[in-house]
Structures are given as C-alpha cells and as structure tokens.
C-alpha cells in the first residue's frame, strides 16, 4: 500500500496506537486501573500541597523529554529512520490512549480536562519540534536536515521544558483547586 507523503499520514500510525491504548485499558488492564494511581483523590490532594523544586524537577524533565528526543534524533540519521518514526508514532498513540482512558475511567470528563491541562502549554512547543524531526525521519533522503531545523527544534524543546518547569505546575494546581 502506497501512502502519500503528507503530514496527515502520521495519523495513520498514531490513531491505531491510540485505539490499542483504549482497548488495553478497557479490556486487559481493568483491574489495575481500579487501583489508586495518579488520578486518585489522595494523589491529586497531595500534588496541590507540594511545592515543586525547580532545581530537582529540571533534571527529571530533561531525562524524560531529552532522552527520547535525542534517541529519535539519532535514529533519524540512520537507515532505521522511517521505522523509528512509525514506531514512535504508534507508541505515542498507545500512551495517549492509555492516559486518556485511565483519566476518564477514574475521574470522568474532569479527568480528560486534567490531561489537557497537564499537557498545556509545553506540548504547544514539543509537538512542532517532534513533527519536524518525524517528518525528516519519514521523508529522508528527499528532505535534508539543515541549521534552521536544528535551531527551531532545539529552541522549541528548550521553551517546552521551561514552560513545563515553571508554568505547567501552576496551571495544574489552579485546575485542581477548581475541581
């Protein structure tokens, strides 16, 4: 099957993963979802009272944001670039499906809103950075990596980490205080 080279085709790989994540939560991991977790009242109450230490949190953020990004970036310059882009999109879809389904099962609509608040505003920077890298990985050798892409992707990821470090905790706490 020939897939056309458009950015919309990324949904062809993301959406089946998303569906798999939903199916996993609803049919396979049902008993684990019922256990207390990050969407429990206790955890959410604890989060509201905790002060986020930026000096410690930055290292955690760099680990969970930079390591996958740099791994994907390194793979994008190998022969495995297209496979790694597809696998990343499927994995991201599965993760999103599990997250959203778990939130909705535990908290209802407010759980899905909490997920949106938890991703905002940093994902406004992360998504374009990843899309540029994924597009390069998927269409290489037709597309070439250049300095502009490097600067854009680096700045977008850096701004995303800064937003996640300083802005996101305040937004999540504000949202939780309204619940």
Protein backbone atom coordinates (compact mmCIF):
# COMPACT_ATOMS: atom_id res chain seq x y z
CA UNK A 1 0.00 0.00 0.00
CA UNK A 2 1.43 3.31 -1.05
CA UNK A 3 0.92 6.07 1.48
CA UNK A 4 1.16 9.63 0.22
CA UNK A 5 3.75 11.92 1.76
CA UNK A 6 1.63 14.32 3.77
CA UNK A 7 1.85 15.18 7.43
CA UNK A 8 -1.70 13.92 7.87
CA UNK A 9 -0.45 10.41 7.25
CA UNK A 10 1.11 10.48 10.71
CA UNK A 11 -2.44 9.95 11.98
CA UNK A 12 -2.45 6.62 10.13
CA UNK A 13 0.17 5.42 12.60
CA UNK A 14 -0.91 7.40 15.69
CA UNK A 15 -4.63 6.54 15.68
CA UNK A 16 -4.31 2.71 15.65
CA UNK A 17 -1.93 3.06 18.60
CA UNK A 18 -4.44 5.31 20.33
CA UNK A 19 -7.15 2.70 19.76
CA UNK A 20 -4.87 -0.05 21.11
CA UNK A 21 -4.27 2.03 24.25
CA UNK A 22 -8.01 2.43 24.78
CA UNK A 23 -8.63 -1.27 24.20
CA UNK A 24 -5.82 -2.18 26.59
CA UNK A 25 -7.25 -0.06 29.41
CA UNK A 26 -10.84 -1.17 28.90
CA UNK A 27 -10.38 -4.88 28.29
CA UNK A 28 -6.99 -6.02 29.54
CA UNK A 29 -5.85 -3.75 32.38
CA UNK A 30 -9.22 -3.14 34.02
CA UNK A 31 -8.22 -4.50 37.42
CA UNK A 32 -5.05 -2.37 37.51
CA UNK A 33 -6.95 0.79 36.63
CA UNK A 34 -9.20 0.35 39.68
CA UNK A 35 -6.17 0.58 41.99
CA UNK A 36 -5.18 4.00 43.34
CA UNK A 37 -2.88 5.86 40.99
CA UNK A 38 -2.12 9.33 39.74
CA UNK A 39 -5.81 10.08 39.23
CA UNK A 40 -6.80 9.16 42.79
CA UNK A 41 -8.14 11.85 45.11
CA UNK A 42 -5.27 11.24 47.53
CA UNK A 43 -2.57 11.80 44.90
CA UNK A 44 -4.28 14.91 43.50
CA UNK A 45 -4.68 16.38 47.01
CA UNK A 46 -1.01 15.71 47.72
CA UNK A 47 0.01 17.38 44.45
CA UNK A 48 -1.83 20.55 45.42
CA UNK A 49 0.11 20.87 48.67
CA UNK A 50 3.56 20.02 47.27
CA UNK A 51 5.98 22.75 46.28
CA UNK A 52 7.78 21.87 43.05
CA UNK A 53 11.54 22.29 43.40
CA UNK A 54 12.73 23.62 40.05
CA UNK A 55 16.32 22.55 40.64
CA UNK A 56 15.33 18.91 41.04
CA UNK A 57 12.45 18.91 38.59
CA UNK A 58 14.61 20.20 35.72
CA UNK A 59 16.75 17.04 35.80
CA UNK A 60 13.68 14.84 35.74
CA UNK A 61 12.24 16.81 32.82
CA UNK A 62 15.49 16.67 30.87
CA UNK A 63 15.62 12.92 31.38
CA UNK A 64 12.06 12.21 30.26
CA UNK A 65 11.98 14.81 27.45
CA UNK A 66 15.52 14.94 26.09
CA UNK A 67 16.43 11.25 26.14
CA UNK A 68 13.57 10.06 23.86
CA UNK A 69 14.01 13.10 21.64
CA UNK A 70 17.75 12.59 21.26
CA UNK A 71 17.26 8.85 20.66
CA UNK A 72 14.76 9.60 17.90
CA UNK A 73 17.08 12.28 16.52
CA UNK A 74 19.99 9.84 16.45
CA UNK A 75 17.87 7.19 14.74
CA UNK A 76 16.67 9.75 12.19
CA UNK A 77 20.15 9.78 10.69
CA UNK A 78 20.37 6.01 10.27
CA UNK A 79 18.73 3.51 7.97
CA UNK A 80 16.17 2.83 10.72
CA UNK A 81 14.78 6.39 10.48
CA UNK A 82 11.45 5.51 8.86
CA UNK A 83 10.82 2.50 11.11
CA UNK A 84 11.72 4.53 14.21
CA UNK A 85 9.33 7.33 13.16
CA UNK A 86 6.46 4.86 12.67
CA UNK A 87 7.19 3.02 15.93
CA UNK A 88 7.40 6.33 17.79
CA UNK A 89 4.01 7.40 16.45
CA UNK A 90 2.39 4.07 17.36
CA UNK A 91 3.96 4.16 20.84
CA UNK A 92 2.81 7.76 21.34
CA UNK A 93 -0.70 6.76 20.29
CA UNK A 94 -0.75 3.84 22.72
CA UNK A 95 0.49 6.07 25.54
CA UNK A 96 -2.12 8.73 24.79
CA UNK A 97 -4.90 6.15 24.63
CA UNK A 98 -3.89 4.66 27.98
CA UNK A 99 -3.57 8.08 29.62
CA UNK A 100 -6.89 9.46 28.40
CA UNK A 101 -8.79 6.23 29.07
CA UNK A 102 -7.40 5.90 32.57
CA UNK A 103 -8.20 9.52 33.35
CA UNK A 104 -11.76 9.21 32.09
CA UNK A 105 -12.37 5.90 33.90
CA UNK A 106 -11.12 7.33 37.20
CA UNK A 107 -12.37 10.92 37.02
CA UNK A 108 -14.86 11.20 34.17
CA UNK A 109 -14.81 14.28 31.97
CA UNK A 110 -12.75 16.19 34.53
CA UNK A 111 -10.04 13.55 34.01
CA UNK A 112 -9.82 14.34 30.31
CA UNK A 113 -9.69 18.05 31.14
CA UNK A 114 -6.92 17.36 33.66
CA UNK A 115 -4.97 15.60 30.89
CA UNK A 116 -5.35 18.63 28.64
CA UNK A 117 -4.23 21.00 31.40
CA UNK A 118 -1.33 18.67 32.19
CA UNK A 119 -0.11 18.86 28.60
CA UNK A 120 -0.57 22.59 28.21
CA UNK A 121 1.36 24.81 27.35
CA UNK A 122 4.56 22.80 26.86
CA UNK A 123 3.10 20.49 24.23
CA UNK A 124 2.50 23.53 22.02
CA UNK A 125 6.29 23.51 21.71
CA UNK A 126 7.01 19.78 21.86
CA UNK A 127 4.57 18.78 19.10
CA UNK A 128 6.05 21.04 16.38
CA UNK A 129 9.58 20.00 17.35
CA UNK A 130 8.71 16.32 17.11
CA UNK A 131 6.77 16.83 13.88
CA UNK A 132 9.80 18.42 12.22
CA UNK A 133 12.01 15.55 13.36
CA UNK A 134 9.45 12.88 12.42
CA UNK A 135 8.85 14.45 9.02
CA UNK A 136 12.59 14.44 8.35
CA UNK A 137 12.85 10.83 9.50
CA UNK A 138 9.92 9.74 7.40
CA UNK A 139 10.80 11.55 4.17
CA UNK A 140 14.61 11.34 4.17
CA UNK A 141 16.56 11.32 1.88
CA UNK A 142 14.15 13.65 -0.01
CA UNK A 143 14.19 16.12 2.89
CA UNK A 144 17.50 17.34 4.19
CA UNK A 145 18.34 18.39 7.70
CA UNK A 146 19.69 21.92 7.97
CA UNK A 147 20.70 24.53 10.51
CA UNK A 148 17.26 26.16 10.57
CA UNK A 149 15.63 22.89 11.58
CA UNK A 150 18.26 22.37 14.26
CA UNK A 151 17.70 25.84 15.72
CA UNK A 152 13.91 25.55 15.57
CA UNK A 153 13.78 22.09 17.14
CA UNK A 154 16.32 22.98 19.85
CA UNK A 155 14.52 26.20 20.77
CA UNK A 156 11.09 24.56 20.73
CA UNK A 157 12.26 21.77 23.05
CA UNK A 158 14.04 24.23 25.37
CA UNK A 159 11.00 26.53 25.59
CA UNK A 160 8.79 23.47 26.17
CA UNK A 161 10.94 22.32 29.08
CA UNK A 162 10.92 25.82 30.60
CA UNK A 163 7.13 26.04 30.27
CA UNK A 164 6.74 22.59 31.80
CA UNK A 165 9.07 23.55 34.62
CA UNK A 166 7.53 26.87 35.64
CA UNK A 167 4.07 27.32 34.07
CA UNK A 168 2.53 23.85 33.97
CA UNK A 169 2.64 23.08 37.73
CA UNK A 170 0.84 26.35 38.46
CA UNK A 171 -1.81 25.61 35.83
CA UNK A 172 -2.40 22.08 37.12
CA UNK A 173 -2.65 23.31 40.72
CA UNK A 174 -5.12 26.02 39.65
CA UNK A 175 -7.21 23.46 37.79
CA UNK A 176 -7.18 21.04 40.73
CA UNK A 177 -8.28 23.80 43.12
CA UNK A 178 -11.38 24.32 40.95
CA UNK A 179 -12.31 20.59 40.99
